[in-house]
Protein backbone atom coordinates (compact mmCIF):
# COMPACT_ATOMS: atom_id res chain seq x y z
CA MET A 1 -23.54 9.98 11.79
CA LYS A 2 -21.99 9.66 8.31
CA GLN A 3 -22.76 6.64 6.20
CA ILE A 4 -20.26 4.42 4.42
CA ILE A 5 -21.53 2.00 1.80
CA ILE A 6 -19.22 -0.84 0.84
CA ILE A 7 -20.17 -2.31 -2.50
CA GLY A 8 -19.04 -5.91 -2.68
CA GLY A 9 -19.16 -8.48 0.04
CA GLY A 10 -15.87 -10.17 -0.80
CA ALA A 11 -12.40 -10.24 0.74
CA ALA A 12 -11.65 -6.50 0.37
CA GLY A 13 -15.12 -5.35 1.37
CA PHE A 14 -15.25 -7.47 4.57
CA PHE A 15 -11.71 -6.80 5.66
CA CYS A 16 -12.34 -3.11 5.25
CA ALA A 17 -15.59 -3.28 7.28
CA SER A 18 -13.87 -5.33 9.90
CA ASN A 19 -11.26 -2.52 10.43
CA LEU A 20 -13.55 0.51 10.39
CA ASP A 21 -14.52 2.41 13.50
CA GLU A 22 -18.24 1.65 13.85
CA THR A 23 -18.61 4.46 16.53
CA LYS A 24 -17.85 7.03 13.77
CA TYR A 25 -19.92 5.63 10.91
CA LYS A 26 -23.01 3.74 9.94
CA ILE A 27 -21.73 1.01 7.66
CA ILE A 28 -23.63 -1.02 5.02
CA ILE A 29 -22.21 -3.85 2.86
CA LEU A 30 -24.08 -4.54 -0.39
CA GLU A 31 -23.52 -7.98 -1.97
CA GLN A 32 -25.26 -8.99 -5.22
CA ASN A 33 -25.11 -12.75 -4.55
CA SER A 34 -27.08 -14.60 -1.94
CA ASP A 35 -23.77 -15.53 -0.21
CA VAL A 36 -20.94 -13.28 0.87
CA LEU A 37 -17.17 -14.12 0.67
CA GLN A 38 -17.68 -16.65 -2.16
CA LYS A 39 -14.08 -16.53 -3.39
CA VAL A 40 -12.77 -16.88 0.17
CA LYS A 41 -14.83 -20.08 0.45
CA ILE A 42 -13.43 -21.82 -2.65
CA SER A 43 -9.85 -20.56 -2.34
CA GLY A 44 -7.09 -23.06 -1.85
CA GLY A 45 -9.49 -25.98 -2.51
CA GLY A 46 -11.76 -24.88 0.28
CA ARG A 47 -8.95 -24.36 2.73
CA CYS A 48 -8.51 -20.62 2.03
CA ASN A 49 -4.96 -19.61 1.07
CA VAL A 50 -4.99 -16.54 3.28
CA SER A 51 -1.59 -15.10 2.24
CA HIS A 52 2.02 -15.96 1.50
CA ALA A 53 4.95 -15.96 3.85
CA CYS A 54 6.96 -13.26 2.09
CA PHE A 55 7.61 -10.53 4.57
CA ASP A 56 9.75 -8.14 2.52
CA PRO A 57 7.60 -5.78 0.44
CA LYS A 58 10.31 -5.51 -2.26
CA GLU A 59 10.22 -9.29 -2.68
CA LEU A 60 6.48 -9.50 -2.35
CA ILE A 61 5.71 -7.18 -5.29
CA GLN A 62 7.67 -9.53 -7.65
CA PHE A 63 4.59 -11.87 -7.54
CA TYR A 64 2.29 -9.21 -9.09
CA PRO A 65 2.41 -8.99 -12.98
CA ARG A 66 0.22 -5.86 -12.73
CA GLY A 67 0.37 -3.40 -9.85
CA ASN A 68 3.81 -4.23 -8.52
CA LYS A 69 5.17 -0.66 -8.44
CA GLU A 70 1.99 0.74 -6.92
CA LEU A 71 1.77 -1.97 -4.22
CA LEU A 72 5.24 -1.31 -2.82
CA SER A 73 3.98 1.58 -0.65
CA VAL A 74 0.89 -0.36 0.26
CA PHE A 75 2.84 -3.38 1.50
CA THR A 76 5.26 -1.26 3.53
CA LYS A 77 2.19 -0.29 5.60
CA PHE A 78 0.47 -3.69 5.81
CA GLN A 79 2.08 -6.96 4.66
CA PRO A 80 1.63 -10.73 5.29
CA GLY A 81 3.14 -10.58 8.75
CA ASP A 82 0.46 -8.02 9.67
CA THR A 83 -2.24 -10.21 8.16
CA MET A 84 -1.11 -13.11 10.35
CA GLU A 85 -1.02 -10.90 13.44
CA TRP A 86 -4.55 -9.59 12.62
CA PHE A 87 -5.98 -13.12 12.56
CA GLU A 88 -4.02 -14.29 15.55
CA GLN A 89 -5.41 -11.43 17.58
CA ARG A 90 -8.80 -12.93 16.87
CA ASN A 91 -7.70 -16.39 18.02
CA ILE A 92 -7.30 -17.76 14.52
CA SER A 93 -4.19 -19.97 14.21
CA LEU A 94 -2.52 -19.83 10.87
CA LYS A 95 0.18 -22.13 9.48
CA ILE A 96 2.88 -21.71 6.89
CA GLU A 97 3.15 -24.67 4.55
CA ASN A 98 6.36 -25.89 2.86
CA ASP A 99 5.68 -23.81 -0.21
CA ASN A 100 5.17 -20.69 1.96
CA ARG A 101 1.48 -20.54 1.44
CA ILE A 102 -0.43 -19.50 4.60
CA PHE A 103 -3.63 -21.37 5.65
CA PRO A 104 -5.76 -21.57 8.79
CA GLU A 105 -4.74 -24.47 11.06
CA SER A 106 -8.30 -25.74 10.69
CA ASN A 107 -7.77 -26.29 6.92
CA SER A 108 -11.21 -24.83 6.41
CA SER A 109 -12.09 -21.52 4.71
CA GLN A 110 -15.16 -21.42 6.94
CA THR A 111 -12.87 -20.37 9.82
CA ILE A 112 -11.89 -17.25 7.90
CA ILE A 113 -15.49 -16.56 6.80
CA ASN A 114 -16.74 -16.92 10.40
CA THR A 115 -14.06 -14.48 11.67
CA PHE A 116 -15.31 -11.80 9.25
CA LEU A 117 -19.03 -12.49 9.98
CA ASN A 118 -18.23 -12.19 13.73
CA GLU A 119 -16.42 -8.90 13.21
CA VAL A 120 -19.22 -7.25 11.22
CA GLN A 121 -21.80 -8.56 13.65
CA LYS A 122 -19.95 -7.13 16.65
CA LYS A 123 -19.89 -3.81 14.85
CA ASN A 124 -23.57 -3.94 13.93
CA ILE A 125 -22.78 -3.59 10.26
CA ASP A 126 -25.72 -4.09 8.01
CA VAL A 127 -25.01 -6.77 5.37
CA LYS A 128 -27.53 -6.79 2.49
CA THR A 129 -27.27 -9.77 0.17
CA LYS A 130 -29.09 -10.08 -3.21
CA SER A 131 -28.58 -6.38 -3.41
CA ILE A 132 -27.55 -5.55 -7.00
CA VAL A 133 -26.27 -2.01 -7.61
CA LYS A 134 -27.74 -0.65 -10.84
CA GLU A 135 -26.29 2.86 -10.71
CA ILE A 136 -24.32 5.31 -8.54
CA VAL A 137 -25.22 8.96 -8.91
CA LYS A 138 -23.02 11.75 -7.52
CA ASP A 139 -25.23 14.23 -5.71
CA ASP A 140 -23.40 17.29 -4.33
CA GLU A 141 -21.44 16.05 -1.28
CA LYS A 142 -23.09 12.56 -1.30
CA TYR A 143 -23.65 9.55 -3.53
CA ILE A 144 -27.02 7.96 -4.29
CA VAL A 145 -26.56 4.18 -4.63
CA LYS A 146 -29.51 2.72 -6.62
CA THR A 147 -30.16 -0.98 -6.16
CA GLY A 148 -33.04 -3.03 -7.58
CA SER A 149 -35.12 -2.42 -4.52
CA GLU A 150 -34.04 0.85 -2.90
CA ASP A 151 -31.98 4.03 -3.11
CA LEU A 152 -29.33 4.49 -0.48
CA VAL A 153 -27.36 7.65 0.39
CA ALA A 154 -23.64 7.47 1.08
CA ASP A 155 -21.13 9.98 2.38
CA TYR A 156 -18.30 7.61 1.43
CA ILE A 157 -18.19 4.73 -0.97
CA ILE A 158 -15.78 1.76 -0.83
CA TYR A 159 -15.95 0.05 -4.24
CA ALA A 160 -14.77 -3.60 -3.86
CA THR A 161 -16.95 -5.43 -6.40
CA GLY A 162 -14.44 -7.77 -7.98
CA SER A 163 -13.93 -7.57 -11.77
CA SER A 164 -17.35 -8.23 -13.17
CA PRO A 165 -18.01 -6.27 -16.41
CA LYS A 166 -21.12 -4.71 -14.91
CA SER A 167 -19.35 -3.29 -11.94
CA LEU A 168 -16.61 -1.89 -14.17
CA LYS A 169 -19.25 -0.22 -16.37
CA ILE A 170 -20.66 1.57 -13.30
CA VAL A 171 -17.32 2.94 -12.23
CA GLU A 172 -16.52 3.86 -15.87
CA SER A 173 -19.79 5.80 -16.07
CA LEU A 174 -18.52 7.83 -13.08
CA GLY A 175 -15.39 8.90 -15.00
CA HIS A 176 -12.83 6.22 -14.35
CA ARG A 177 -10.80 4.67 -17.21
CA ILE A 178 -11.05 0.93 -17.52
CA ILE A 179 -8.20 -1.34 -18.83
CA SER A 180 -9.81 -4.20 -20.82
CA LEU A 181 -10.17 -7.48 -18.89
CA VAL A 182 -8.31 -10.56 -19.93
CA PRO A 183 -8.05 -13.88 -18.07
CA SER A 184 -4.95 -14.45 -15.96
CA LEU A 185 -3.96 -17.69 -14.17
CA PHE A 186 -5.08 -20.41 -16.58
CA THR A 187 -3.94 -23.80 -17.74
CA PHE A 188 -2.87 -24.65 -21.30
CA ASN A 189 -4.89 -26.94 -23.61
CA ILE A 190 -2.51 -29.12 -25.58
CA LYS A 191 -3.24 -32.20 -27.72
CA ASN A 192 -0.04 -34.17 -28.10
CA ASP A 193 0.70 -37.89 -28.10
CA LEU A 194 3.39 -37.40 -25.45
CA LEU A 195 0.83 -36.15 -22.91
CA LYS A 196 -2.04 -38.51 -23.92
CA ASP A 197 -3.32 -40.75 -21.05
CA LEU A 198 -0.84 -39.32 -18.58
CA ALA A 199 -3.18 -37.04 -16.56
CA GLY A 200 -1.88 -36.73 -12.99
CA THR A 201 1.81 -37.15 -13.92
CA SER A 202 3.85 -34.45 -12.25
CA PHE A 203 7.38 -33.01 -12.50
CA GLU A 204 9.03 -31.44 -9.48
CA ASN A 205 10.82 -28.70 -11.36
CA ALA A 206 10.31 -28.07 -15.05
CA GLU A 207 11.04 -25.10 -17.28
CA VAL A 208 8.46 -23.73 -19.66
CA SER A 209 9.22 -21.06 -22.24
CA ILE A 210 7.33 -19.26 -24.98
CA PRO A 211 10.00 -18.63 -27.53
CA LYS A 212 7.93 -16.07 -29.47
CA LEU A 213 7.57 -13.93 -26.42
CA LYS A 214 11.07 -14.58 -25.14
CA THR A 215 9.77 -15.46 -21.73
CA ALA A 216 10.24 -18.48 -19.42
CA GLU A 217 9.18 -19.75 -15.99
CA SER A 218 10.16 -22.70 -13.85
CA GLY A 219 8.43 -24.73 -11.12
CA PRO A 220 6.29 -27.77 -10.59
CA LEU A 221 4.45 -29.02 -13.69
CA LEU A 222 1.35 -31.23 -14.02
CA ILE A 223 -0.07 -33.12 -16.96
CA THR A 224 -3.91 -32.82 -17.05
CA HIS A 225 -6.65 -34.33 -19.20
CA TRP A 226 -6.53 -31.12 -21.27
CA GLY A 227 -2.83 -30.44 -21.38
CA LEU A 228 -0.53 -28.81 -18.84
CA SER A 229 -1.03 -27.04 -15.49
CA GLY A 230 0.98 -26.46 -12.25
CA PRO A 231 2.84 -23.45 -10.94
CA ALA A 232 5.22 -23.19 -13.91
CA ILE A 233 2.21 -22.84 -16.34
CA LEU A 234 0.18 -20.60 -14.06
CA LYS A 235 3.05 -18.14 -13.49
CA ILE A 236 3.71 -17.80 -17.23
CA SER A 237 -0.02 -17.40 -17.93
CA ALA A 238 -0.17 -14.54 -15.40
CA TRP A 239 2.85 -12.63 -16.61
CA GLU A 240 1.93 -13.02 -20.25
CA ALA A 241 -1.91 -12.68 -19.84
CA ILE A 242 -2.21 -9.76 -22.18
CA ASN A 243 0.11 -11.12 -24.90
CA LEU A 244 -1.53 -14.53 -24.78
CA ALA A 245 -4.93 -12.96 -25.26
CA LYS A 246 -3.61 -11.14 -28.30
CA VAL A 247 -2.59 -14.40 -29.98
CA LYS A 248 -5.97 -15.96 -29.03
CA TYR A 249 -4.32 -18.67 -26.88
CA ASN A 250 -2.72 -20.28 -29.91
CA PHE A 251 1.07 -20.44 -29.53
CA GLU A 252 4.08 -22.74 -29.16
CA ILE A 253 5.77 -23.57 -25.92
CA GLU A 254 9.01 -25.38 -25.21
CA VAL A 255 9.12 -27.62 -22.15
CA ASN A 256 12.18 -28.88 -20.27
CA PHE A 257 10.71 -31.61 -18.04
CA ILE A 258 13.91 -32.25 -16.16
CA SER A 259 15.55 -28.77 -15.96
CA LYS A 260 18.78 -30.01 -17.50
CA THR A 261 20.57 -28.70 -20.54
CA LEU A 262 20.93 -31.10 -23.48
CA ASP A 263 24.68 -31.44 -22.74
CA GLU A 264 23.97 -32.26 -19.07
CA ALA A 265 21.32 -34.76 -20.00
CA GLU A 266 23.59 -36.43 -22.55
CA GLU A 267 26.31 -36.84 -19.92
CA ILE A 268 23.79 -38.49 -17.51
CA PHE A 269 22.71 -40.76 -20.33
CA GLN A 270 26.24 -41.77 -21.32
CA ASN A 271 27.27 -42.41 -17.72
CA PHE A 272 24.24 -44.72 -17.27
CA ARG A 273 24.99 -46.51 -20.54
CA HIS A 274 28.60 -47.07 -19.42
CA SER A 275 27.48 -48.52 -16.06
CA ASN A 276 24.44 -50.49 -17.23
CA PRO A 277 25.05 -51.52 -20.87
CA LYS A 278 22.93 -54.65 -20.73
CA LYS A 279 19.83 -53.12 -19.14
CA THR A 280 16.83 -52.69 -21.45
CA ILE A 281 16.00 -49.08 -22.16
CA GLY A 282 12.37 -49.71 -21.05
CA GLN A 283 13.46 -50.67 -17.54
CA SER A 284 16.17 -48.05 -17.24
CA LYS A 285 15.63 -45.30 -14.63
CA ILE A 286 18.03 -42.80 -16.21
CA PHE A 287 16.18 -39.50 -15.31
CA GLU A 288 13.93 -38.28 -12.55
CA VAL A 289 10.69 -38.82 -14.32
CA THR A 290 7.86 -41.40 -13.67
CA ASN A 291 8.07 -44.80 -15.28
CA ARG A 292 4.87 -44.07 -17.20
CA PHE A 293 6.28 -40.90 -18.72
CA TRP A 294 9.58 -42.59 -19.61
CA GLN A 295 7.75 -45.42 -21.38
CA LYS A 296 5.57 -42.90 -23.19
CA ILE A 297 8.63 -41.04 -24.55
CA LEU A 298 9.98 -44.38 -25.91
CA ASP A 299 6.62 -45.32 -27.29
CA THR A 300 6.07 -42.03 -29.14
CA LEU A 301 9.62 -42.28 -30.56
CA LYS A 302 8.99 -45.95 -31.55
CA ILE A 303 11.99 -47.16 -29.67
CA ASP A 304 11.87 -50.85 -28.73
CA LEU A 305 11.52 -51.10 -24.95
CA ASN A 306 13.56 -54.34 -24.91
CA LYS A 307 16.53 -52.87 -26.65
CA GLN A 308 19.68 -52.75 -24.47
CA VAL A 309 20.92 -49.35 -23.53
CA ALA A 310 24.27 -50.14 -25.15
CA HIS A 311 22.45 -50.55 -28.50
CA ILE A 312 20.55 -47.21 -28.48
CA SER A 313 21.84 -45.27 -31.45
CA GLY A 314 23.14 -41.69 -31.29
CA LYS A 315 20.01 -40.61 -33.23
CA GLU A 316 17.70 -42.34 -30.83
CA MET A 317 19.48 -40.87 -27.79
CA GLN A 318 19.17 -37.34 -29.20
CA ALA A 319 15.47 -37.86 -29.85
CA ILE A 320 14.97 -39.02 -26.24
CA LEU A 321 16.96 -36.02 -24.86
CA ILE A 322 15.05 -33.53 -27.01
CA SER A 323 11.72 -34.95 -25.76
CA LEU A 324 12.97 -34.46 -22.17
CA CYS A 325 14.77 -31.11 -22.41
CA SER A 326 13.23 -29.14 -25.23
CA LYS A 327 9.90 -30.63 -26.23
CA LYS A 328 7.90 -28.22 -28.46
CA LEU A 329 4.16 -28.33 -27.83
CA GLN A 330 1.32 -26.40 -29.59
CA VAL A 331 -1.08 -24.67 -27.21
CA THR A 332 -4.56 -24.38 -28.72
CA GLY A 333 -6.59 -22.81 -25.90
CA LYS A 334 -6.88 -22.30 -22.18
CA SER A 335 -8.91 -23.66 -19.23
CA THR A 336 -9.82 -21.87 -16.01
CA PHE A 337 -7.55 -22.87 -13.07
CA LYS A 338 -9.97 -24.62 -10.67
CA ASP A 339 -12.64 -22.10 -9.63
CA GLU A 340 -10.14 -19.33 -8.81
CA PHE A 341 -10.77 -17.15 -11.77
CA VAL A 342 -8.45 -14.17 -11.84
CA THR A 343 -8.45 -11.40 -14.43
CA ALA A 344 -5.94 -8.85 -15.53
CA GLY A 345 -7.42 -5.41 -16.30
CA GLY A 346 -9.76 -3.16 -14.42
CA VAL A 347 -9.63 0.41 -13.08
CA ASP A 348 -6.55 2.27 -14.38
CA LEU A 349 -3.99 2.44 -11.55
CA LYS A 350 -2.98 5.98 -12.54
CA GLU A 351 -6.32 7.19 -11.19
CA ILE A 352 -5.80 5.79 -7.68
CA ASN A 353 -4.00 7.38 -4.76
CA PHE A 354 -2.10 4.40 -3.24
CA LYS A 355 -1.50 6.22 0.09
CA ASN A 356 -5.12 5.48 1.01
CA MET A 357 -6.67 3.77 -2.10
CA SER A 358 -8.90 6.76 -2.84
CA SER A 359 -10.01 7.71 -6.30
CA LYS A 360 -8.29 10.67 -7.88
CA ILE A 361 -11.38 11.21 -10.00
CA LEU A 362 -14.15 10.98 -7.40
CA PRO A 363 -14.13 12.58 -3.88
CA ARG A 364 -14.78 10.34 -0.90
CA PHE A 365 -14.67 7.24 -3.10
CA TYR A 366 -12.25 4.36 -2.42
CA ILE A 367 -11.47 1.41 -4.66
CA ALA A 368 -9.96 -1.96 -3.65
CA GLY A 369 -9.56 -5.59 -4.74
CA GLU A 370 -9.86 -7.20 -8.11
CA VAL A 371 -11.83 -4.32 -9.69
CA LEU A 372 -8.40 -2.61 -9.91
CA ASN A 373 -5.87 -3.50 -12.63
CA ILE A 374 -3.92 -5.54 -10.19
CA ASP A 375 -3.43 -9.32 -10.25
CA ALA A 376 -0.93 -11.84 -8.92
CA VAL A 377 0.32 -15.34 -9.47
CA THR A 378 -1.25 -18.10 -7.43
CA GLY A 379 -0.29 -18.60 -3.77
CA GLY A 380 -2.29 -16.23 -1.59
CA PHE A 381 -1.04 -12.99 -3.21
CA ASN A 382 -4.34 -11.80 -4.61
CA PHE A 383 -5.92 -11.97 -1.14
CA GLN A 384 -2.90 -10.17 0.39
CA ALA A 385 -3.46 -7.28 -1.96
CA CYS A 386 -7.12 -7.15 -0.88
CA TRP A 387 -6.26 -7.15 2.88
CA SER A 388 -3.55 -4.53 2.51
CA GLU A 389 -5.66 -2.18 0.31
CA ALA A 390 -8.68 -2.58 2.53
CA TRP A 391 -6.68 -1.85 5.70
CA LEU A 392 -5.39 1.43 4.23
CA ILE A 393 -8.89 2.54 3.40
CA ALA A 394 -10.12 1.79 6.91
CA GLN A 395 -7.16 3.61 8.46
CA ASP A 396 -7.81 6.66 6.32
CA LEU A 397 -11.49 6.81 7.17
CA ASN A 398 -10.87 6.18 10.88
CA MET A 399 -8.65 9.26 11.06
CA LYS A 400 -11.29 11.59 9.49
């Protein structure tokens, strides 16, 4: 019986193992940590954001800054609807939330982890934890996988290690080209009086642009202790991951907190002034922002909170509108988004056959997951790429 060694006990490795025909192969999973499926455990704040309810492959690939072209064929064979069906066949109920993210009904990542553990147990798959791969040697028709404690022989290798530099060095030593790693999905560190002491303040739909890179994103925005976060920031950090690394995370952004043009905002202000001339500016709810944020704008601009709206000068009004619609802020660094560290970079996609995720460089060698130069914005997309790639590998091996 031929032996498959899956290197990496994460999402891609376990999904692949769960779909392999155990009557054809002896299957071993090697995981360097003491626990498997660590990213699955922490994903979605411990609830596990399994996937995203986007069922059209052409739409789905728009969420992948790197790998979108290559993933189109992958998603036509296995997409989020197939993921949902796979779990439901195993009696795991999933739910689609308002923002289209998919979670288990149980709201616990342990449900997903248990599903995988049950699958590999049923198939008698050997899971070896604390098993660090030091080297892989190609030996005629086989591979020798050298760990700290033993040498294992594989007929086929599934390389699903995640993007650790060590694992990339191993696959590079076997002949693959590696695109340098840079962080993707991060929050922006900003020191500015307007944001000071406002951590937790959110905006339903803001626009964030990086003028120097001629790029913009929109979506919910959140003020944090360090600066700005939320989907608008995370999206722009993913799409511009490489360019932002080049400028060492020091750049200027422009934020439109209310998603209105200056002219639209001025019209709203003038209409309010006309209807409520005697109201004080401090107590006026002119725009859809929190009271704390509104007071902070007035405070930073040194506008008297007790001044009547009718007495706000044209210059003061313009200053308020600019703070709301086109506030320039200097970013001076980045912070990891929660524990969900995602990287851009990895194995060059030109060297992968996306019909079955096999290496074009190495025979009987498959690569899946974050070790590839593929990454997505937040929302369950990174996991979906893992499930789809792993499924293709299993199908290909099951047909041999």
